[in-house]
C-alpha atoms as a PDB file:
ATOM      1  CA  MET A   1      16.349  26.036   9.597  1.00  0.00           C
ATOM      2  CA  GLY A   2      15.479  28.674   7.291  1.00  0.00           C
ATOM      3  CA  THR A   3      16.722  32.028   7.579  1.00  0.00           C
ATOM      4  CA  CYS A   4      14.303  33.460   5.580  1.00  0.00           C
ATOM      5  CA  CYS A   5      12.434  35.324   8.677  1.00  0.00           C
ATOM      6  CA  PHE A   6      13.799  38.594   8.954  1.00  0.00           C
ATOM      7  CA  ARG A   7      14.751  42.313   7.854  1.00  0.00           C
ATOM      8  CA  ALA A   8      15.685  45.690   9.815  1.00  0.00           C
ATOM      9  CA  ALA A   9      12.132  48.175  10.327  1.00  0.00           C
ATOM     10  CA  ARG A  10      11.647  51.690  10.615  1.00  0.00           C
ATOM     11  CA  GLU A  11      10.959  51.675  14.882  1.00  0.00           C
ATOM     12  CA  ALA A  12       7.308  52.154  15.597  1.00  0.00           C
ATOM     13  CA  GLY A  13       7.418  56.000  16.778  1.00  0.00           C
ATOM     14  CA  ALA A  14      10.097  57.447  14.702  1.00  0.00           C
ATOM     15  CA  ASP A  15       9.600  61.746  14.486  1.00  0.00           C
ATOM     16  CA  GLU A  16       7.313  62.655  10.787  1.00  0.00           C
ATOM     17  CA  VAL A  17       7.737  66.188   8.567  1.00  0.00           C
ATOM     18  CA  VAL A  18       4.715  67.833   8.308  1.00  0.00           C
ATOM     19  CA  ALA A  19       3.856  70.580   6.873  1.00  0.00           C
ATOM     20  CA  GLY A  20       5.904  73.485   7.519  1.00  0.00           C
ATOM     21  CA  GLY A  21       9.152  71.719   8.076  1.00  0.00           C
ATOM     22  CA  ASN A  22       7.905  71.118  11.811  1.00  0.00           C
ATOM     23  CA  ARG A  23       8.157  67.271  12.658  1.00  0.00           C
ATOM     24  CA  ARG A  24       5.643  65.390  15.106  1.00  0.00           C
ATOM     25  CA  HIS A  25       5.953  62.083  16.650  1.00  0.00           C
ATOM     26  CA  GLN A  26       3.933  59.417  16.422  1.00  0.00           C
ATOM     27  CA  HIS A  27       2.677  57.140  19.334  1.00  0.00           C
ATOM     28  CA  GLN A  28       1.090  54.093  19.019  1.00  0.00           C
ATOM     29  CA  THR A  29      -0.394  52.567  22.578  1.00  0.00           C
ATOM     30  CA  SER A  30      -2.293  49.518  21.878  1.00  0.00           C
ATOM     31  CA  PRO A  31      -0.916  46.179  20.135  1.00  0.00           C
ATOM     32  CA  VAL A  32      -3.625  46.182  17.619  1.00  0.00           C
ATOM     33  CA  GLY A  33      -1.554  49.219  16.205  1.00  0.00           C
ATOM     34  CA  ALA A  34       1.435  46.899  15.105  1.00  0.00           C
ATOM     35  CA  PHE A  35      -0.905  45.908  12.282  1.00  0.00           C
ATOM     36  CA  VAL A  36       0.181  49.009  10.000  1.00  0.00           C
ATOM     37  CA  GLY A  37       2.802  49.034   8.104  1.00  0.00           C
ATOM     38  CA  ASN A  38       2.540  44.748   7.896  1.00  0.00           C
ATOM     39  CA  LYS A  39       5.977  43.670   5.615  1.00  0.00           C
ATOM     40  CA  LEU A  40       6.588  40.866   3.741  1.00  0.00           C
ATOM     41  CA  ILE A  41       8.893  38.501   5.869  1.00  0.00           C
ATOM     42  CA  CYS A  42      11.697  38.697   4.426  1.00  0.00           C
ATOM     43  CA  THR A  43      15.527  36.759   4.265  1.00  0.00           C
ATOM     44  CA  LYS A  44      17.944  38.424   6.751  1.00  0.00           C
ATOM     45  CA  ALA A  45      18.118  36.051   9.857  1.00  0.00           C
ATOM     46  CA  PRO A  46      19.328  37.953  13.608  1.00  0.00           C
ATOM     47  CA  THR A  47      22.849  36.900  14.801  1.00  0.00           C
ATOM     48  CA  TRP A  48      23.568  35.647  18.425  1.00  0.00           C
ATOM     49  CA  VAL A  49      26.059  33.959  20.714  1.00  0.00           C
ATOM     50  CA  ALA A  50      24.968  31.153  22.808  1.00  0.00           C
ATOM     51  CA  GLU A  51      26.286  31.522  26.264  1.00  0.00           C
ATOM     52  CA  ALA A  52      28.321  28.843  26.135  1.00  0.00           C
ATOM     53  CA  PRO A  53      29.031  26.745  22.988  1.00  0.00           C
ATOM     54  CA  ILE A  54      26.246  24.818  22.000  1.00  0.00           C
ATOM     55  CA  THR A  55      25.971  22.076  19.573  1.00  0.00           C
ATOM     56  CA  SER A  56      22.794  21.399  17.026  1.00  0.00           C
ATOM     57  CA  GLY A  57      21.464  18.479  18.767  1.00  0.00           C
ATOM     58  CA  GLN A  58      21.074  20.502  22.064  1.00  0.00           C
ATOM     59  CA  LEU A  59      19.675  23.334  20.210  1.00  0.00           C
ATOM     60  CA  ARG A  60      17.141  21.334  17.909  1.00  0.00           C
ATOM     61  CA  SER A  61      16.534  20.456  22.056  1.00  0.00           C
ATOM     62  CA  LYS A  62      16.271  24.070  23.286  1.00  0.00           C
ATOM     63  CA  ARG A  63      13.701  24.765  20.346  1.00  0.00           C
ATOM     64  CA  ASP A  64      11.345  21.638  20.670  1.00  0.00           C
ATOM     65  CA  ALA A  65      10.946  22.560  23.997  1.00  0.00           C
ATOM     66  CA  PHE A  66      10.111  26.624  23.441  1.00  0.00           C
ATOM     67  CA  TRP A  67       8.042  25.284  20.431  1.00  0.00           C
ATOM     68  CA  ASP A  68       6.235  22.428  23.050  1.00  0.00           C
ATOM     69  CA  THR A  69       5.416  25.166  25.397  1.00  0.00           C
ATOM     70  CA  ALA A  70       4.497  27.977  22.769  1.00  0.00           C
ATOM     71  CA  PRO A  71       1.074  27.497  23.552  1.00  0.00           C
ATOM     72  CA  SER A  72       0.606  28.046  26.625  1.00  0.00           C
ATOM     73  CA  TYR A  73       2.394  31.669  26.687  1.00  0.00           C
ATOM     74  CA  GLY A  74      -1.063  32.720  25.034  1.00  0.00           C
ATOM     75  CA  GLY A  75      -2.567  32.901  21.632  1.00  0.00           C
ATOM     76  CA  LYS A  76      -4.198  30.042  19.323  1.00  0.00           C
ATOM     77  CA  PRO A  77      -2.263  27.030  18.447  1.00  0.00           C
ATOM     78  CA  GLU A  78      -2.531  26.664  15.165  1.00  0.00           C
ATOM     79  CA  ILE A  79      -1.244  29.975  14.975  1.00  0.00           C
ATOM     80  CA  TRP A  80       1.910  28.482  16.787  1.00  0.00           C
ATOM     81  CA  GLN A  81       1.802  25.890  14.482  1.00  0.00           C
ATOM     82  CA  ALA A  82       1.738  27.711  11.487  1.00  0.00           C
ATOM     83  CA  LEU A  83       4.839  30.324  12.281  1.00  0.00           C
ATOM     84  CA  ARG A  84       6.752  27.426  13.739  1.00  0.00           C
ATOM     85  CA  ALA A  85       6.666  25.657   9.787  1.00  0.00           C
ATOM     86  CA  ALA A  86       7.670  29.611   8.784  1.00  0.00           C
ATOM     87  CA  ALA A  87      10.504  29.828  11.165  1.00  0.00           C
ATOM     88  CA  GLU A  88      11.955  26.504  10.108  1.00  0.00           C
ATOM     89  CA  THR A  89      11.673  26.621   6.441  1.00  0.00           C
ATOM     90  CA  ASP A  90      13.830  27.064   3.917  1.00  0.00           C
ATOM     91  CA  ASP A  91      11.736  28.930   1.036  1.00  0.00           C
ATOM     92  CA  VAL A  92      10.806  32.591   1.516  1.00  0.00           C
ATOM     93  CA  ALA A  93       7.394  31.824  -0.713  1.00  0.00           C
ATOM     94  CA  THR A  94       6.450  28.860   1.848  1.00  0.00           C
ATOM     95  CA  ALA A  95       6.876  30.818   4.792  1.00  0.00           C
ATOM     96  CA  GLN A  96       5.061  33.895   3.689  1.00  0.00           C
ATOM     97  CA  ALA A  97       2.047  31.675   3.081  1.00  0.00           C
ATOM     98  CA  PHE A  98       2.001  29.923   6.100  1.00  0.00           C
ATOM     99  CA  VAL A  99       2.050  33.017   8.031  1.00  0.00           C
ATOM    100  CA  ASP A 100      -1.064  34.366   5.324  1.00  0.00           C
ATOM    101  CA  ALA A 101      -3.060  31.075   6.046  1.00  0.00           C
ATOM    102  CA  VAL A 102      -3.396  32.301   9.492  1.00  0.00           C
ATOM    103  CA  ASN A 103      -4.085  36.240   8.982  1.00  0.00           C
ATOM    104  CA  VAL A 104      -0.824  37.302  10.824  1.00  0.00           C
ATOM    105  CA  THR A 105       1.131  40.611  11.182  1.00  0.00           C
ATOM    106  CA  LEU A 106       4.931  41.214  11.323  1.00  0.00           C
ATOM    107  CA  PRO A 107       4.808  44.995  11.644  1.00  0.00           C
ATOM    108  CA  SER A 108       8.560  44.451  11.579  1.00  0.00           C
ATOM    109  CA  GLY A 109       9.155  42.083   8.817  1.00  0.00           C
ATOM    110  CA  ASN A 110      10.471  39.472  10.830  1.00  0.00           C
ATOM    111  CA  LEU A 111       9.139  36.749  13.168  1.00  0.00           C
ATOM    112  CA  THR A 112      10.330  38.154  16.648  1.00  0.00           C
ATOM    113  CA  LEU A 113       7.071  39.370  16.971  1.00  0.00           C
ATOM    114  CA  VAL A 114       3.695  38.462  15.396  1.00  0.00           C
ATOM    115  CA  TYR A 115       0.324  39.667  15.958  1.00  0.00           C
ATOM    116  CA  ASP A 116      -3.108  37.948  15.031  1.00  0.00           C
ATOM    117  CA  GLU A 117      -6.087  39.522  14.271  1.00  0.00           C
ATOM    118  CA  LEU A 118      -7.124  40.011  17.885  1.00  0.00           C
ATOM    119  CA  GLY A 119      -4.435  41.707  18.933  1.00  0.00           C
ATOM    120  CA  ASN A 120      -2.986  39.050  20.265  1.00  0.00           C
ATOM    121  CA  LYS A 121       1.057  38.522  20.185  1.00  0.00           C
ATOM    122  CA  TYR A 122       3.186  36.191  19.364  1.00  0.00           C
ATOM    123  CA  GLU A 123       6.473  36.905  20.261  1.00  0.00           C
ATOM    124  CA  ILE A 124       9.815  33.912  18.948  1.00  0.00           C
ATOM    125  CA  PRO A 125      13.540  34.273  20.638  1.00  0.00           C
ATOM    126  CA  PRO A 126      15.826  33.999  17.951  1.00  0.00           C
ATOM    127  CA  TYR A 127      17.619  30.861  18.656  1.00  0.00           C
ATOM    128  CA  CYS A 128      14.718  29.350  17.043  1.00  0.00           C
ATOM    129  CA  LEU A 129      15.083  31.526  13.738  1.00  0.00           C
ATOM    130  CA  SER A 130      18.860  31.475  13.067  1.00  0.00           C
ATOM    131  CA  ASP A 131      22.162  29.159  14.794  1.00  0.00           C
ATOM    132  CA  PRO A 132      24.595  30.864  16.924  1.00  0.00           C
ATOM    133  CA  SER A 133      27.433  32.092  15.910  1.00  0.00           C
ATOM    134  CA  ASN A 134      29.610  29.473  18.104  1.00  0.00           C
ATOM    135  CA  LEU A 135      27.213  26.075  17.650  1.00  0.00           C
ATOM    136  CA  VAL A 136      29.651  22.971  17.466  1.00  0.00           C
ATOM    137  CA  GLN A 137      28.974  20.530  14.811  1.00  0.00           C
ATOM    138  CA  GLU A 138      28.026  16.934  16.739  1.00  0.00           C
ATOM    139  CA  SER A 139      30.352  14.071  15.535  1.00  0.00           C
ATOM    140  CA  ALA A 140      30.363  11.775  13.079  1.00  0.00           C
ATOM    141  CA  LEU A 141      29.663   8.835  15.187  1.00  0.00           C
ATOM    142  CA  ASN A 142      26.694  10.565  16.931  1.00  0.00           C
ATOM    143  CA  MET A 143      25.289  11.151  13.580  1.00  0.00           C
ATOM    144  CA  ASP A 144      25.330   7.828  12.670  1.00  0.00           C
ATOM    145  CA  GLN A 145      23.543   6.805  16.055  1.00  0.00           C
ATOM    146  CA  LEU A 146      20.815   9.404  15.083  1.00  0.00           C
ATOM    147  CA  SER A 147      20.285   7.712  11.359  1.00  0.00           C
ATOM    148  CA  GLY A 148      20.500   4.317  12.709  1.00  0.00           C
ATOM    149  CA  GLY A 149      17.739   4.982  15.272  1.00  0.00           C
ATOM    150  CA  GLU A 150      15.567   6.408  12.648  1.00  0.00           C
ATOM    151  CA  ALA A 151      15.786   3.991  10.827  1.00  0.00           C
ATOM    152  CA  SER A 152      14.463   1.538  13.467  1.00  0.00           C
ATOM    153  CA  SER A 153      11.976   4.001  14.070  1.00  0.00           C
ATOM    154  CA  ALA A 154      10.516   3.969  10.456  1.00  0.00           C
ATOM    155  CA  ALA A 155      11.188   0.163  10.303  1.00  0.00           C
ATOM    156  CA  GLY A 156       8.903  -0.215  13.647  1.00  0.00           C
ATOM    157  CA  VAL A 157       6.282   1.755  11.626  1.00  0.00           C
ATOM    158  CA  SER A 158       5.890  -1.346   9.117  1.00  0.00           C
ATOM    159  CA  SER A 159       5.781  -3.840  12.128  1.00  0.00           C
ATOM    160  CA  SER A 160       3.007  -1.955  14.145  1.00  0.00           C
ATOM    161  CA  ALA A 161      -0.329  -2.737  14.065  1.00  0.00           C
ATOM    162  CA  GLU A 162      -3.251  -0.478  11.936  1.00  0.00           C
ATOM    163  CA  GLU A 163      -4.773   2.442  13.443  1.00  0.00           C
ATOM    164  CA  GLN A 164      -7.584   4.291  12.145  1.00  0.00           C
ATOM    165  CA  ILE A 165      -7.690   8.148  13.073  1.00  0.00           C
ATOM    166  CA  MET A 166      -9.800  10.990  12.412  1.00  0.00           C
ATOM    167  CA  LEU A 167      -8.541  14.958  11.340  1.00  0.00           C
ATOM    168  CA  ARG A 168      -9.703  18.374  10.693  1.00  0.00           C
ATOM    169  CA  LEU A 169      -7.901  19.111   7.435  1.00  0.00           C
ATOM    170  CA  ARG A 170      -8.552  23.106   7.332  1.00  0.00           C
ATOM    171  CA  LEU A 171      -7.966  25.080   4.384  1.00  0.00           C
ATOM    172  CA  SER A 172      -6.377  27.816   4.815  1.00  0.00           C
ATOM    173  CA  THR A 173      -8.089  29.436   2.426  1.00  0.00           C
ATOM    174  CA  THR A 174     -11.446  29.258   3.730  1.00  0.00           C
ATOM    175  CA  ASN A 175     -10.818  28.237   7.187  1.00  0.00           C
ATOM    176  CA  GLU A 176     -12.746  25.298   6.336  1.00  0.00           C
ATOM    177  CA  ASP A 177     -12.587  22.141   7.936  1.00  0.00           C
ATOM    178  CA  LEU A 178     -12.818  19.087   6.064  1.00  0.00           C
ATOM    179  CA  GLU A 179     -13.227  15.616   8.276  1.00  0.00           C
ATOM    180  CA  TRP A 180     -11.082  12.753   6.963  1.00  0.00           C
ATOM    181  CA  LYS A 181     -10.918   9.208   8.106  1.00  0.00           C
ATOM    182  CA  GLY A 182      -7.560   6.480   7.515  1.00  0.00           C
ATOM    183  CA  PRO A 183      -5.267   4.230   8.756  1.00  0.00           C
ATOM    184  CA  ILE A 184      -2.642   6.118  10.448  1.00  0.00           C
ATOM    185  CA  SER A 185      -0.213   4.426   7.798  1.00  0.00           C
ATOM    186  CA  SER A 186      -1.864   7.318   5.556  1.00  0.00           C
ATOM    187  CA  THR A 187       0.783  10.172   4.185  1.00  0.00           C
ATOM    188  CA  GLY A 188       0.343  13.402   3.546  1.00  0.00           C
ATOM    189  CA  ALA A 189       0.097  12.671  -0.136  1.00  0.00           C
ATOM    190  CA  ASP A 190      -3.275  11.159   0.711  1.00  0.00           C
ATOM    191  CA  LEU A 191      -4.436  13.889   2.918  1.00  0.00           C
ATOM    192  CA  LYS A 192      -3.570  15.560  -0.582  1.00  0.00           C
ATOM    193  CA  ASN A 193      -6.068  13.981  -2.270  1.00  0.00           C
ATOM    194  CA  PHE A 194      -8.880  13.274  -0.099  1.00  0.00           C
ATOM    195  CA  VAL A 195      -8.558  17.560  -0.587  1.00  0.00           C
ATOM    196  CA  GLN A 196      -8.693  16.922  -4.143  1.00  0.00           C
ATOM    197  CA  LEU A 197     -11.468  15.092  -4.500  1.00  0.00           C
ATOM    198  CA  HIS A 198     -13.873  17.100  -2.572  1.00  0.00           C
ATOM    199  CA  LYS A 199     -12.767  20.699  -3.245  1.00  0.00           C
ATOM    200  CA  SER A 200     -10.897  19.809  -6.514  1.00  0.00           C
ATOM    201  CA  ILE A 201      -7.823  21.286  -5.714  1.00  0.00           C
ATOM    202  CA  PRO A 202      -4.857  19.878  -7.227  1.00  0.00           C
ATOM    203  CA  PRO A 203      -2.239  18.454  -5.039  1.00  0.00           C
ATOM    204  CA  GLU A 204       0.963  20.683  -6.200  1.00  0.00           C
ATOM    205  CA  ARG A 205      -0.511  23.606  -4.616  1.00  0.00           C
ATOM    206  CA  LEU A 206      -0.881  21.680  -1.245  1.00  0.00           C
ATOM    207  CA  ARG A 207       0.843  21.598   1.750  1.00  0.00           C
ATOM    208  CA  CYS A 208       0.085  19.763   5.076  1.00  0.00           C
ATOM    209  CA  LEU A 209       1.217  21.600   8.413  1.00  0.00           C
ATOM    210  CA  PHE A 210       0.623  19.923  11.600  1.00  0.00           C
ATOM    211  CA  GLY A 211       3.432  20.944  15.050  1.00  0.00           C
ATOM    212  CA  GLY A 212       4.600  23.338  12.878  1.00  0.00           C
ATOM    213  CA  LYS A 213       6.515  21.039  10.563  1.00  0.00           C
ATOM    214  CA  ILE A 214       5.469  20.223   7.102  1.00  0.00           C
ATOM    215  CA  ILE A 215       3.856  16.566   6.346  1.00  0.00           C
ATOM    216  CA  THR A 216       5.669  15.400   3.279  1.00  0.00           C
ATOM    217  CA  ASP A 217       4.458  13.094   0.467  1.00  0.00           C
ATOM    218  CA  ASN A 218       6.001   9.980   1.861  1.00  0.00           C
ATOM    219  CA  LEU A 219       5.760  10.706   5.430  1.00  0.00           C
ATOM    220  CA  SER A 220       3.070   8.841   7.525  1.00  0.00           C
ATOM    221  CA  LEU A 221       1.178  10.352   9.761  1.00  0.00           C
ATOM    222  CA  LYS A 222       2.571   7.882  12.685  1.00  0.00           C
ATOM    223  CA  VAL A 223       5.789   8.724  11.321  1.00  0.00           C
ATOM    224  CA  ALA A 224       5.370  12.404  11.795  1.00  0.00           C
ATOM    225  CA  LYS A 225       3.061  11.413  15.182  1.00  0.00           C
ATOM    226  CA  VAL A 226      -0.227  13.332  13.986  1.00  0.00           C
ATOM    227  CA  PRO A 227      -2.813  12.296  17.116  1.00  0.00           C
ATOM    228  CA  ALA A 228      -6.345  11.545  16.177  1.00  0.00           C
ATOM    229  CA  GLU A 229      -8.615  14.295  16.377  1.00  0.00           C
ATOM    230  CA  VAL A 230      -6.503  17.370  16.132  1.00  0.00           C
ATOM    231  CA  VAL A 231      -6.272  19.765  13.259  1.00  0.00           C
ATOM    232  CA  VAL A 232      -3.856  19.620  10.070  1.00  0.00           C
ATOM    233  CA  ILE A 233      -3.030  22.842   7.763  1.00  0.00           C
ATOM    234  CA  MET A 234      -4.025  22.240   4.501  1.00  0.00           C
ATOM    235  CA  ALA A 235      -2.132  25.321   3.039  1.00  0.00           C
ATOM    236  CA  VAL A 236      -3.276  26.086  -0.417  1.00  0.00           C
ATOM    237  CA  PHE A 237      -1.261  27.616  -2.979  1.00  0.00           C
ATOM    238  CA  ASP A 238      -1.502  30.143  -5.807  1.00  0.00           C
ATOM    239  CA  GLU A 239       1.230  28.762  -7.901  1.00  0.00           C
ATOM    240  CA  PRO A 240       2.649  25.308  -6.627  1.00  0.00           C
ATOM    241  CA  PRO A 241       5.897  25.231  -4.058  1.00  0.00           C
ATOM    242  CA  SER A 242       8.723  24.358  -4.130  1.00  0.00           C
ATOM    243  CA  SER A 243       9.920  21.325  -3.086  1.00  0.00           C
ATOM    244  CA  PRO A 244      10.518  21.177   1.279  1.00  0.00           C
END
């Protein structure tokens, strides 16, 4: 879980000193007003305590439950995806790129409160952005079982029948969609190579994003659980980002 999402901010509506030494109280009366004073993502994570000690597995389930239902709260699904990716990466530059890709505003420099260009509000709870102080580590046995399950899942992928799917690859810089069709076993590297072929963008300047997670070069679409006919965001960087 990344912790690159927070910074203390000056509260909206603070007194401002004007000519003559008097103070003028400023008010913001609409969500669009929150666009004023947009800040970059910063590094201080929120601190919080769970009602009862919680394991890392329980915390993951709690986060997944929020992100899976977040679009029902309003706003755009692709923005929720980008915010999830920004919240879960440990790299500040990558998080900032995901936020910039969907043109959202962070009034306080953190992901707890975000606005899009239409004034839609996106609120993310602290448990999605940092670990609680009373987090309990899972036993080595549980971790071994989890690893075994993942290995079995990966083995199942290779033995499954091939399937063709169609995706829309959306460039973060232009919002242009490229139609891609290929086998479900294709990887993030395959999507990057497709974009390079059609748009001459080097693969090292691209990141593939779906469902709030990064599709790494070696990760297949099947393992990443990417369904057919969805949008995969291709985040374009000015310089090659650090490895996820």
